[in-house]
Protein backbone atom coordinates (compact mmCIF):
# COMPACT_ATOMS: atom_id res chain seq x y z
CA MET A 1 -2.52 -73.65 -37.75
CA ASN A 2 -2.93 -72.77 -34.55
CA LEU A 3 -0.97 -73.47 -30.99
CA SER A 4 -2.77 -76.64 -29.87
CA GLY A 5 -3.44 -78.68 -33.82
CA LYS A 6 0.94 -77.93 -33.95
CA TYR A 7 1.10 -79.84 -30.46
CA TRP A 8 -1.22 -82.68 -31.53
CA PHE A 9 0.01 -83.24 -35.29
CA LEU A 10 3.68 -83.52 -33.89
CA ILE A 11 2.29 -86.04 -31.70
CA LEU A 12 0.48 -87.95 -34.12
CA LEU A 13 3.32 -87.79 -36.23
CA LEU A 14 5.85 -89.19 -34.09
CA LEU A 15 3.14 -92.06 -33.01
CA THR A 16 2.75 -92.86 -36.80
CA VAL A 17 6.26 -92.94 -37.32
CA SER A 18 7.02 -95.08 -34.34
CA CYS A 19 4.16 -97.38 -35.13
CA VAL A 20 5.37 -97.86 -38.88
CA ASP A 21 8.86 -98.39 -37.41
CA ASN A 22 7.62 -101.25 -35.35
CA LEU A 23 5.61 -102.84 -38.29
CA LEU A 24 8.47 -102.54 -40.52
CA VAL A 25 10.78 -104.67 -37.73
CA ILE A 26 7.97 -106.85 -37.23
CA SER A 27 7.76 -107.93 -40.41
CA GLN A 28 11.50 -108.09 -40.82
CA THR A 29 10.94 -105.45 -43.93
CA VAL A 30 13.76 -103.42 -42.49
CA ASN A 31 16.43 -104.40 -39.92
CA PRO A 32 16.12 -102.63 -36.44
CA GLY A 33 19.12 -100.57 -37.15
CA SER A 34 17.51 -98.78 -40.58
CA ALA A 35 14.19 -98.56 -38.33
CA LEU A 36 16.13 -96.68 -35.68
CA VAL A 37 17.57 -94.49 -38.16
CA ILE A 38 14.29 -93.52 -39.72
CA ALA A 39 12.57 -92.83 -36.42
CA LEU A 40 15.42 -90.71 -35.79
CA THR A 41 15.28 -89.04 -38.97
CA ALA A 42 11.64 -88.68 -38.50
CA SER A 43 11.84 -87.17 -34.84
CA LEU A 44 14.48 -84.58 -35.99
CA ALA A 45 12.23 -83.18 -38.78
CA CYS A 46 9.79 -82.83 -36.98
CA TRP A 47 11.81 -81.34 -34.04
CA ALA A 48 12.84 -79.15 -37.01
CA TRP A 49 9.79 -78.22 -38.42
CA LEU A 50 8.66 -77.47 -34.40
CA MET A 51 11.37 -74.96 -33.88
CA LYS A 52 11.17 -73.21 -37.50
CA SER A 53 7.47 -72.53 -36.39
CA ILE A 54 8.51 -71.11 -32.81
CA LYS A 55 11.09 -68.97 -35.04
CA ASN A 56 8.59 -67.66 -37.13
CA ASP A 57 6.70 -66.85 -34.17
CA GLN A 58 9.29 -64.80 -32.76
CA GLN A 59 9.68 -62.92 -35.77
CA GLN A 60 6.20 -62.30 -35.87
CA ILE A 61 6.28 -60.68 -32.19
CA THR A 62 9.54 -58.59 -32.47
CA ALA A 63 7.81 -57.03 -35.75
CA CYS A 64 4.83 -56.30 -33.84
CA LEU A 65 7.20 -54.83 -30.62
CA ARG A 66 9.13 -52.80 -33.45
CA ASN A 67 5.66 -51.13 -34.74
CA PRO A 68 4.98 -47.74 -33.11
CA ALA A 69 1.62 -48.26 -32.60
CA LEU A 70 1.73 -51.20 -30.22
CA THR A 71 -1.92 -52.81 -30.48
CA ARG A 72 -2.96 -56.42 -28.82
CA PRO A 73 -2.04 -58.68 -31.60
CA ASP A 74 -4.61 -60.59 -33.60
CA PHE A 75 -2.55 -64.11 -33.84
CA GLN A 76 -3.38 -65.37 -30.39
CA ARG A 77 -4.28 -68.66 -31.31
CA LYS A 78 -2.47 -69.12 -34.42
CA ASN A 79 1.17 -67.96 -32.66
CA PHE A 80 2.99 -69.69 -30.10
CA TYR A 81 3.62 -66.69 -27.36
CA GLY A 82 0.30 -64.98 -28.85
CA ASN A 83 -1.65 -65.52 -25.44
CA VAL A 84 1.56 -64.56 -23.69
CA PHE A 85 1.83 -61.76 -25.38
CA ALA A 86 -1.51 -60.62 -25.13
CA GLU A 87 -1.45 -60.48 -21.22
CA ALA A 88 1.56 -58.74 -21.81
CA ILE A 89 -0.21 -56.22 -23.64
CA ARG A 90 -2.96 -56.14 -21.51
CA LYS A 91 -0.39 -55.88 -18.34
CA MET A 92 0.99 -52.97 -20.26
CA GLU A 93 -2.03 -51.11 -20.95
CA ASP A 94 -3.50 -51.35 -17.40
CA SER A 95 -0.11 -50.14 -15.95
CA ASP A 96 -0.11 -47.34 -18.57
CA SER A 97 -3.63 -46.22 -17.71
CA GLU A 98 -2.49 -46.29 -14.02
CA LEU A 99 0.40 -44.46 -14.98
CA THR A 100 -1.78 -41.61 -16.71
CA SER A 101 -3.80 -41.37 -14.00
CA THR A 102 -0.91 -40.70 -11.40
CA ASN A 103 0.51 -38.24 -13.95
CA GLN A 104 -2.97 -36.51 -14.07
CA VAL A 105 -2.62 -36.32 -10.39
CA LYS A 106 0.61 -35.23 -9.96
CA SER A 107 -0.01 -32.59 -12.86
CA MET A 108 -3.09 -31.34 -10.38
CA LEU A 109 -1.30 -31.60 -7.32
CA LYS A 110 1.78 -29.51 -9.10
CA ALA A 111 -0.98 -26.61 -10.42
CA ARG A 112 -2.16 -26.43 -7.05
CA VAL A 113 1.10 -26.33 -5.20
CA ASN A 114 2.04 -23.38 -7.89
CA SER A 115 -1.33 -21.59 -7.34
CA LEU A 116 -0.47 -22.02 -3.50
CA LEU A 117 2.63 -20.79 -3.93
CA LYS A 118 1.90 -17.87 -5.90
CA LYS A 119 -0.84 -16.92 -3.57
CA GLU A 120 1.34 -17.13 -0.69
CA ALA A 121 4.18 -14.75 -2.56
CA LEU A 122 1.12 -12.48 -3.06
CA VAL A 123 0.12 -12.45 0.79
CA GLU A 124 3.60 -11.73 1.49
CA SER A 125 3.92 -8.93 -0.64
CA VAL A 126 0.68 -7.23 0.32
CA LEU A 127 2.16 -7.60 3.89
CA ASP A 128 5.50 -6.18 3.06
CA ASN A 129 4.02 -3.42 1.52
CA LEU A 130 1.36 -2.16 4.24
CA GLU A 131 2.40 0.35 6.47
CA THR A 132 1.13 -1.68 9.56
CA GLY A 133 3.28 -3.88 10.75
CA VAL A 134 2.24 -7.74 11.45
CA LEU A 135 3.81 -10.22 13.74
CA ILE A 136 2.38 -13.60 13.35
CA PHE A 137 3.26 -15.98 16.42
CA ASP A 138 2.87 -19.89 16.27
CA ALA A 139 0.83 -22.20 19.22
CA LYS A 140 4.28 -22.06 20.67
CA HIS A 141 4.65 -18.52 20.99
CA GLU A 142 7.62 -18.37 18.56
CA LEU A 143 7.92 -15.97 15.79
CA GLU A 144 6.63 -17.48 12.26
CA PHE A 145 6.52 -14.40 10.40
CA THR A 146 6.89 -10.66 10.40
CA ASN A 147 6.61 -7.99 7.47
CA GLN A 148 8.77 -4.98 7.02
CA ALA A 149 7.09 -2.91 8.78
CA ALA A 150 7.34 -4.66 12.26
CA SER A 151 10.91 -5.17 11.79
CA ALA A 152 11.45 -2.01 13.88
CA PHE A 153 9.91 -3.71 16.71
CA LEU A 154 12.26 -6.73 16.92
CA LEU A 155 14.83 -7.08 19.55
CA THR A 156 18.81 -7.58 18.15
CA GLY A 157 20.91 -9.25 20.68
CA THR A 158 21.76 -6.09 22.89
CA ASP A 159 18.29 -5.69 23.14
CA GLN A 160 17.40 -9.54 24.20
CA ASP A 161 19.87 -9.30 26.95
CA TYR A 162 18.21 -6.23 28.27
CA ALA A 163 14.72 -7.66 27.86
CA SER A 164 15.90 -10.78 29.99
CA CYS A 165 17.19 -8.66 32.97
CA ASP A 166 13.69 -6.70 32.72
CA SER A 167 11.57 -8.09 35.62
CA SER A 168 8.55 -6.42 34.63
CA LEU A 169 8.07 -8.86 32.17
CA SER A 170 7.63 -12.05 34.08
CA LEU A 171 4.33 -12.49 32.65
CA GLY A 172 5.58 -12.68 29.24
CA LYS A 173 7.01 -16.18 27.42
CA PRO A 174 10.67 -16.44 27.26
CA VAL A 175 10.41 -16.82 23.69
CA VAL A 176 8.48 -13.59 23.12
CA GLU A 177 10.39 -11.56 25.46
CA LYS A 178 13.52 -12.03 23.54
CA THR A 179 11.95 -11.43 20.36
CA VAL A 180 10.02 -8.39 20.33
CA ILE A 181 10.32 -4.73 22.19
CA PRO A 182 8.85 -4.94 26.30
CA ALA A 183 5.48 -3.23 25.02
CA LEU A 184 4.25 -5.86 22.85
CA ALA A 185 5.67 -8.81 24.69
CA LYS A 186 3.73 -7.54 28.12
CA LEU A 187 0.72 -7.36 25.41
CA LEU A 188 1.45 -10.73 24.11
CA ALA A 189 2.11 -11.88 27.44
CA LYS A 190 -1.70 -10.76 28.95
CA THR A 191 -3.23 -12.09 25.32
CA ILE A 192 -1.92 -15.47 26.03
CA GLU A 193 -2.68 -16.01 29.38
CA ARG A 194 -6.04 -14.83 29.22
CA LYS A 195 -7.39 -16.38 25.80
CA GLU A 196 -10.11 -17.71 27.76
CA ALA A 197 -11.66 -14.75 28.75
CA THR A 198 -10.89 -12.90 26.12
CA PHE A 199 -9.22 -13.82 22.58
CA ARG A 200 -8.47 -9.94 21.61
CA ARG A 201 -6.29 -7.13 24.03
CA ARG A 202 -4.69 -3.52 22.62
CA THR A 203 -2.51 -1.30 24.02
CA GLU A 204 -0.98 2.07 22.94
CA PHE A 205 2.91 2.85 23.44
CA GLU A 206 5.47 5.42 22.46
CA PHE A 207 8.12 4.30 20.73
CA THR A 208 11.44 5.75 19.40
CA SER A 209 13.30 4.64 16.15
CA ASN A 210 15.81 6.95 14.39
CA GLY A 211 15.75 9.09 17.03
CA VAL A 212 12.19 9.87 16.22
CA SER A 213 9.42 9.51 19.01
CA THR A 214 6.03 8.43 17.39
CA GLN A 215 2.52 6.89 19.02
CA TYR A 216 1.86 3.42 17.96
CA ARG A 217 -1.50 1.33 18.75
CA ALA A 218 -0.72 -2.63 18.70
CA VAL A 219 -3.84 -5.22 18.86
CA ALA A 220 -2.89 -8.69 19.65
CA THR A 221 -5.64 -11.42 18.66
CA ASN A 222 -5.45 -15.12 19.84
CA LEU A 223 -6.40 -17.67 16.38
CA SER A 224 -8.25 -20.93 16.79
CA ASP A 225 -9.19 -23.35 14.53
CA GLU A 226 -12.97 -24.47 14.30
CA ASN A 227 -12.02 -26.98 17.19
CA GLN A 228 -11.24 -23.83 19.18
CA VAL A 229 -7.20 -25.35 19.14
CA CYS A 230 -5.08 -22.96 19.50
CA LEU A 231 -3.02 -21.76 16.60
CA GLY A 232 -1.12 -19.19 17.77
CA THR A 233 -1.36 -15.05 17.85
CA VAL A 234 -1.16 -12.21 15.57
CA VAL A 235 -0.41 -8.64 16.66
CA VAL A 236 -0.93 -5.59 14.53
CA VAL A 237 0.94 -2.37 15.08
CA GLU A 238 -0.46 0.82 13.62
CA ASN A 239 1.05 4.12 13.70
CA ILE A 240 -1.00 6.57 15.18
CA GLY A 241 1.39 9.49 15.36
CA GLU A 242 -0.88 11.88 12.89
CA GLU A 243 -4.06 10.45 14.18
CA THR A 244 -2.39 11.90 18.08
CA ASP A 245 -1.28 14.62 16.65
CA GLU A 246 -4.71 15.87 14.88
CA LYS A 247 -6.28 15.12 18.33
CA THR A 248 -3.65 17.21 20.16
CA GLN A 249 -4.28 19.90 17.21
CA HIS A 250 -8.50 19.73 17.54
CA ALA A 251 -8.38 19.78 21.35
CA GLU A 252 -5.43 23.10 21.08
CA PHE A 253 -7.72 24.61 18.50
CA VAL A 254 -11.25 24.22 20.46
CA SER A 255 -9.13 25.71 23.72
CA SER A 256 -7.87 28.50 21.50
CA VAL A 257 -11.70 29.24 20.06
CA ALA A 258 -13.19 29.10 23.12
CA HIS A 259 -10.35 31.54 24.47
CA GLU A 260 -10.74 34.14 21.64
CA LEU A 261 -14.53 33.98 22.27
CA LYS A 262 -14.50 34.27 25.90
CA THR A 263 -12.65 37.62 25.69
CA PRO A 264 -15.05 39.66 23.55
CA MET A 265 -18.02 38.06 25.39
CA SER A 266 -16.70 38.54 29.11
CA GLY A 267 -15.81 42.41 27.77
CA ILE A 268 -19.89 42.65 26.02
CA LYS A 269 -20.83 41.11 29.16
CA ALA A 270 -19.29 43.60 32.06
CA TYR A 271 -20.60 46.31 29.78
CA ILE A 272 -24.23 45.18 29.61
CA GLU A 273 -23.93 45.02 33.70
CA MET A 274 -23.05 48.58 34.01
CA LEU A 275 -25.63 49.81 31.41
CA LEU A 276 -28.04 47.49 33.79
CA ASP A 277 -26.80 49.14 37.03
CA GLY A 278 -27.87 52.81 35.66
CA ASP A 279 -25.21 54.40 36.96
CA CYS A 280 -23.90 55.59 34.08
CA GLU A 281 -23.97 58.67 32.37
CA PRO A 282 -24.93 59.36 28.81
CA GLU A 283 -21.73 59.69 27.74
CA GLU A 284 -20.40 56.72 29.57
CA ALA A 285 -23.30 54.75 28.02
CA THR A 286 -22.46 55.72 24.32
CA GLU A 287 -18.98 55.21 24.86
CA LEU A 288 -20.08 51.74 26.46
CA TYR A 289 -21.98 50.98 23.20
CA GLY A 290 -19.49 51.71 20.92
CA PHE A 291 -17.22 49.08 23.03
CA ILE A 292 -19.82 46.86 22.94
CA ASN A 293 -20.23 47.27 18.84
CA ASP A 294 -16.46 46.86 18.87
CA GLN A 295 -16.55 43.51 20.61
CA ILE A 296 -19.47 42.51 18.55
CA ASP A 297 -17.20 43.23 15.25
CA ARG A 298 -14.39 41.62 16.99
CA LEU A 299 -16.52 38.24 17.51
CA THR A 300 -18.08 38.65 13.78
CA ARG A 301 -14.52 38.83 12.50
CA LEU A 302 -13.44 35.85 14.29
CA VAL A 303 -16.54 33.45 13.09
CA ASN A 304 -16.20 34.54 9.72
CA SER A 305 -12.29 33.70 9.63
CA MET A 306 -13.16 29.95 11.55
CA LEU A 307 -15.93 29.41 8.84
CA ASN A 308 -13.71 30.41 5.91
CA LEU A 309 -11.03 28.53 7.11
CA ALA A 310 -12.98 25.09 7.75
CA ARG A 311 -15.17 25.53 4.72
CA ILE A 312 -11.85 25.62 2.64
CA GLU A 313 -10.29 22.88 4.86
CA SER A 314 -13.32 20.35 4.86
CA GLY A 315 -14.15 20.72 0.93
CA VAL A 316 -17.45 22.73 1.18
CA VAL A 317 -15.61 25.57 -0.89
CA GLU A 318 -15.36 24.25 -4.52
CA ILE A 319 -11.78 23.99 -5.41
CA LYS A 320 -11.74 25.90 -9.28
CA ARG A 321 -8.20 25.80 -10.63
CA HIS A 322 -8.01 27.05 -14.26
CA ASP A 323 -5.11 28.76 -16.14
CA HIS A 324 -4.21 32.18 -15.21
CA GLU A 325 -1.62 34.61 -15.86
CA LEU A 326 -0.14 35.50 -12.59
CA ASN A 327 0.58 39.25 -12.85
CA ASP A 328 -3.10 39.96 -13.44
CA ILE A 329 -3.99 38.27 -10.38
CA LEU A 330 -1.42 40.06 -8.54
CA LYS A 331 -2.92 43.70 -10.10
CA THR A 332 -6.20 43.22 -9.08
CA ALA A 333 -5.01 42.26 -5.70
CA SER A 334 -2.91 45.78 -5.30
CA ASP A 335 -6.10 47.32 -6.62
CA VAL A 336 -8.14 46.61 -3.65
CA ILE A 337 -5.17 47.46 -1.03
CA SER A 338 -4.00 50.59 -2.58
CA PRO A 339 -6.78 52.63 -1.04
CA THR A 340 -5.90 51.23 2.53
CA ALA A 341 -2.47 52.34 2.29
CA THR A 342 -3.01 55.58 0.74
CA GLU A 343 -5.06 56.74 3.79
CA LYS A 344 -2.51 55.48 5.54
CA ASP A 345 0.17 57.76 3.57
CA ILE A 346 2.01 54.18 3.32
CA LYS A 347 3.88 54.31 -0.20
CA PHE A 348 2.55 51.14 -2.22
CA THR A 349 4.39 50.15 -5.31
CA THR A 350 4.60 47.40 -7.34
CA GLU A 351 7.40 45.41 -9.12
CA LEU A 352 5.69 42.61 -11.63
CA SER A 353 7.80 40.83 -13.88
CA ASP A 354 7.62 41.74 -17.38
CA MET A 355 7.60 37.94 -18.06
CA TYR A 356 4.04 35.94 -18.42
CA LEU A 357 4.11 33.98 -15.62
CA PRO A 358 1.59 30.95 -16.21
CA VAL A 359 -0.16 29.44 -13.25
CA HIS A 360 -2.57 27.01 -12.85
CA VAL A 361 -4.60 28.04 -9.83
CA ASP A 362 -8.24 28.77 -8.11
CA LYS A 363 -7.67 32.39 -8.79
CA ASP A 364 -10.29 33.48 -5.71
CA MET A 365 -8.50 31.77 -3.12
CA LEU A 366 -5.09 32.62 -4.67
CA GLY A 367 -6.36 36.22 -4.82
CA GLN A 368 -7.60 35.99 -1.10
CA ALA A 369 -4.33 35.08 0.09
CA ILE A 370 -2.46 37.86 -1.31
CA ILE A 371 -4.94 40.25 0.16
CA ASN A 372 -4.39 38.99 3.18
CA LEU A 373 -0.77 39.50 2.90
CA LEU A 374 -0.61 42.95 1.67
CA SER A 375 -3.28 44.12 4.13
CA ASN A 376 -1.27 42.45 6.86
CA ALA A 377 1.61 44.28 5.54
CA VAL A 378 -0.75 47.78 5.40
CA LYS A 379 -1.80 47.00 9.05
CA TYR A 380 1.46 46.92 11.12
CA THR A 381 3.61 49.26 8.92
CA PRO A 382 3.23 52.83 10.36
CA HIS A 383 2.68 56.11 8.75
CA GLY A 384 5.05 57.26 5.91
CA HIS A 385 6.87 53.74 5.20
CA GLU A 386 6.31 51.27 2.22
CA VAL A 387 5.14 47.99 1.21
CA ARG A 388 5.90 46.88 -1.92
CA LEU A 389 4.86 43.88 -3.76
CA ARG A 390 7.23 41.80 -6.33
CA SER A 391 6.68 39.07 -8.85
CA ARG A 392 9.61 36.96 -10.98
CA MET A 393 10.41 33.86 -11.99
CA GLU A 394 12.55 31.49 -10.54
CA ASP A 395 13.53 27.94 -12.35
CA THR A 396 10.02 26.15 -12.52
CA SER A 397 8.39 28.17 -9.88
CA ALA A 398 6.79 31.65 -9.60
CA VAL A 399 7.56 33.82 -6.81
CA ILE A 400 5.58 36.35 -5.08
CA GLU A 401 7.16 38.80 -2.53
CA VAL A 402 5.30 40.85 -0.05
CA ARG A 403 7.96 43.12 1.48
CA ASP A 404 7.22 46.24 4.23
CA THR A 405 9.32 48.08 6.24
CA GLY A 406 6.96 48.02 9.32
CA MET A 407 7.33 46.96 12.93
CA GLY A 408 8.85 43.58 12.10
CA ILE A 409 8.33 40.11 13.73
CA PRO A 410 10.58 39.12 17.03
CA GLU A 411 12.34 35.90 16.45
CA ASN A 412 10.81 33.92 18.81
CA SER A 413 7.79 34.15 17.20
CA LEU A 414 8.67 33.56 13.56
CA PRO A 415 7.95 29.52 13.80
CA HIS A 416 4.45 30.17 15.24
CA ILE A 417 3.49 32.76 12.93
CA PHE A 418 1.20 30.76 10.46
CA ASP A 419 -0.27 28.85 13.47
CA ARG A 420 -4.38 29.26 14.18
CA PHE A 421 -4.99 31.92 16.49
CA TYR A 422 -1.66 32.94 17.04
CA ARG A 423 -0.88 36.53 17.14
CA VAL A 424 2.23 38.41 17.95
CA PRO A 425 2.46 39.81 21.42
CA GLU A 426 4.41 42.67 20.64
CA ASN A 427 2.22 43.68 18.12
CA ASN A 428 -1.51 43.21 19.38
CA ARG A 429 -1.73 46.79 20.11
CA SER A 430 -1.12 47.82 16.85
CA ALA A 431 -4.40 46.33 14.78
CA ALA A 432 -7.09 44.33 15.65
CA GLY A 433 -7.36 40.60 14.14
CA THR A 434 -8.21 37.02 14.74
CA GLY A 435 -5.07 35.08 14.22
CA LEU A 436 -6.32 33.41 11.34
CA GLY A 437 -5.52 35.43 8.18
CA LEU A 438 -1.61 33.66 8.09
CA ALA A 439 -3.33 30.37 8.71
CA LEU A 440 -5.50 30.44 5.83
CA VAL A 441 -2.93 31.91 3.83
CA HIS A 442 -0.75 28.97 4.51
CA PHE A 443 -3.46 26.04 3.57
CA ILE A 444 -4.45 27.81 0.36
CA VAL A 445 -0.50 28.16 -0.47
CA THR A 446 0.48 24.91 0.18
CA ASN A 447 -2.41 22.36 0.52
CA VAL A 448 -4.44 23.92 -2.41
CA HIS A 449 -1.74 24.74 -4.90
CA ASN A 450 1.10 23.12 -3.81
CA GLY A 451 3.28 25.67 -3.15
CA SER A 452 5.23 27.13 -0.39
CA ILE A 453 5.38 30.11 2.04
CA SER A 454 8.05 31.30 4.32
CA VAL A 455 9.00 34.64 6.41
CA GLN A 456 11.82 36.64 6.87
CA SER A 457 11.83 39.67 9.56
CA ARG A 458 13.41 41.89 11.50
CA VAL A 459 11.69 44.05 14.59
CA ASN A 460 11.36 48.16 13.45
CA GLU A 461 13.37 47.05 10.00
CA GLY A 462 10.20 45.17 8.37
CA THR A 463 9.20 42.02 7.20
CA CYS A 464 9.20 40.08 4.01
CA PHE A 465 6.62 37.15 3.18
CA THR A 466 7.90 34.39 -0.02
CA VAL A 467 5.12 32.86 -1.73
CA THR A 468 6.56 30.05 -4.29
CA ILE A 469 4.07 28.20 -6.49
CA PRO A 470 4.26 25.76 -9.79
CA LEU A 471 4.74 27.57 -12.81
CA GLY A 472 2.70 26.33 -16.01
CA HIS A 473 -0.57 25.86 -17.52
CA ASN A 474 -2.62 22.91 -17.07
CA GLU A 475 -3.39 22.80 -21.02
CA GLN A 476 -0.88 23.19 -23.34
CA LYS A 477 -1.63 25.83 -25.88
CA ARG A 478 -2.58 24.17 -29.31
CA LYS A 479 -0.21 25.65 -31.84
CA LYS A 480 -1.35 27.67 -34.73
CA GLN A 481 -1.48 25.40 -37.40
CA LEU A 482 0.49 26.75 -40.50
CA ILE A 483 -1.81 27.08 -44.01
CA PRO A 484 0.53 25.54 -46.58
CA PRO A 485 1.00 27.88 -49.70
CA VAL A 486 -1.51 27.27 -52.56
CA ASN A 487 0.31 26.21 -55.72
CA ALA A 488 -0.34 28.40 -58.73
């Protein structure tokens, strides 16, 4: 029976009992007291039946709620609480749907935030590992971010007091002046104040850190959004010390080349002018032709030396490193120099190690470097003296020594002995040279073979060049496989 049926059934039952009770009283079948008792009994019975029905409905609802799979009940019309419970279920489903949607949005936002945090951490890590300094200022000119490389350009407490007293920073913002070194503060001030004229400015300055002075280039750029609203300023500071040194070395190289070329060319021009005048005797003319020929040979040696050095440094000459035995290379070099030493009556001896010295080198380049050292030793060693070539093993390195008992090198020239075009002034008259031989040797040993070269010398006692290169072959020799004995 549905809910409305129960109500109407109860009302009809009570009306029927009331009518029957009235009829019994009117017909005087029963007295009024008995009729009242009958009416009360019928009312109580109806009330008990209604309460029992409601209790059964409550039990059904309770059982439904205890069910893990909460679904819409199918007793909406049969149960006293059916409609109310169904509406509550619908509200709960709507709330659960909204909650699920909210959780999905929350999860998406959380994933996006995590992704952004990872990207931010990645960007900060990349910036911190850059050798270029990066400083970011917000629209109020306050320092927002700086990486590790830029930390040297930030002011400490003492430096801030000094910067505040520096009147030359009047164009800069106070916050900026107390944050970065004066050179960057000036750059920022000019960039910020002239942002409408240009959004980027640069400067170069010298800065001393840990007692070492280096040249830096700083570029300041104003940042803005699509509406041209200022977001801040970023400053990128780059170390250009090596670039400056290379420019200086290049300028010195060009100057040295010009000087080295000018001297023989001036001599050739002077000799030719004398010949063109026609005032020279035949013997004098022959002598002048000899001088001209010597100067041309000097120019040829100079140009060839410069070309060899330039080709090796630029990588035009292919470096071919292979496994070799060091003493074989040294024996070949000694065979090249030995006849020249014999002509000068110089005692040339070799003391090569009895051990096998495996090296991974470019045989031709290393051989040329050793020949250059031996040639210099013979060239600057007087008649009757000695030149010695040695090899030995020292820890994990192979050591080569070229020692002579010749003229020696003054102490003040030793720091420059490997510079290009440098020639010891005291020894210039002893032998011709371009000043590029030792520079080429230094490059071959250090850059091509990852080794080192040093020199020790005393005037009129002799000189010793020591070359050290890594010991060992690049490819390990395969061990011979032992053939297992055949069982009889």
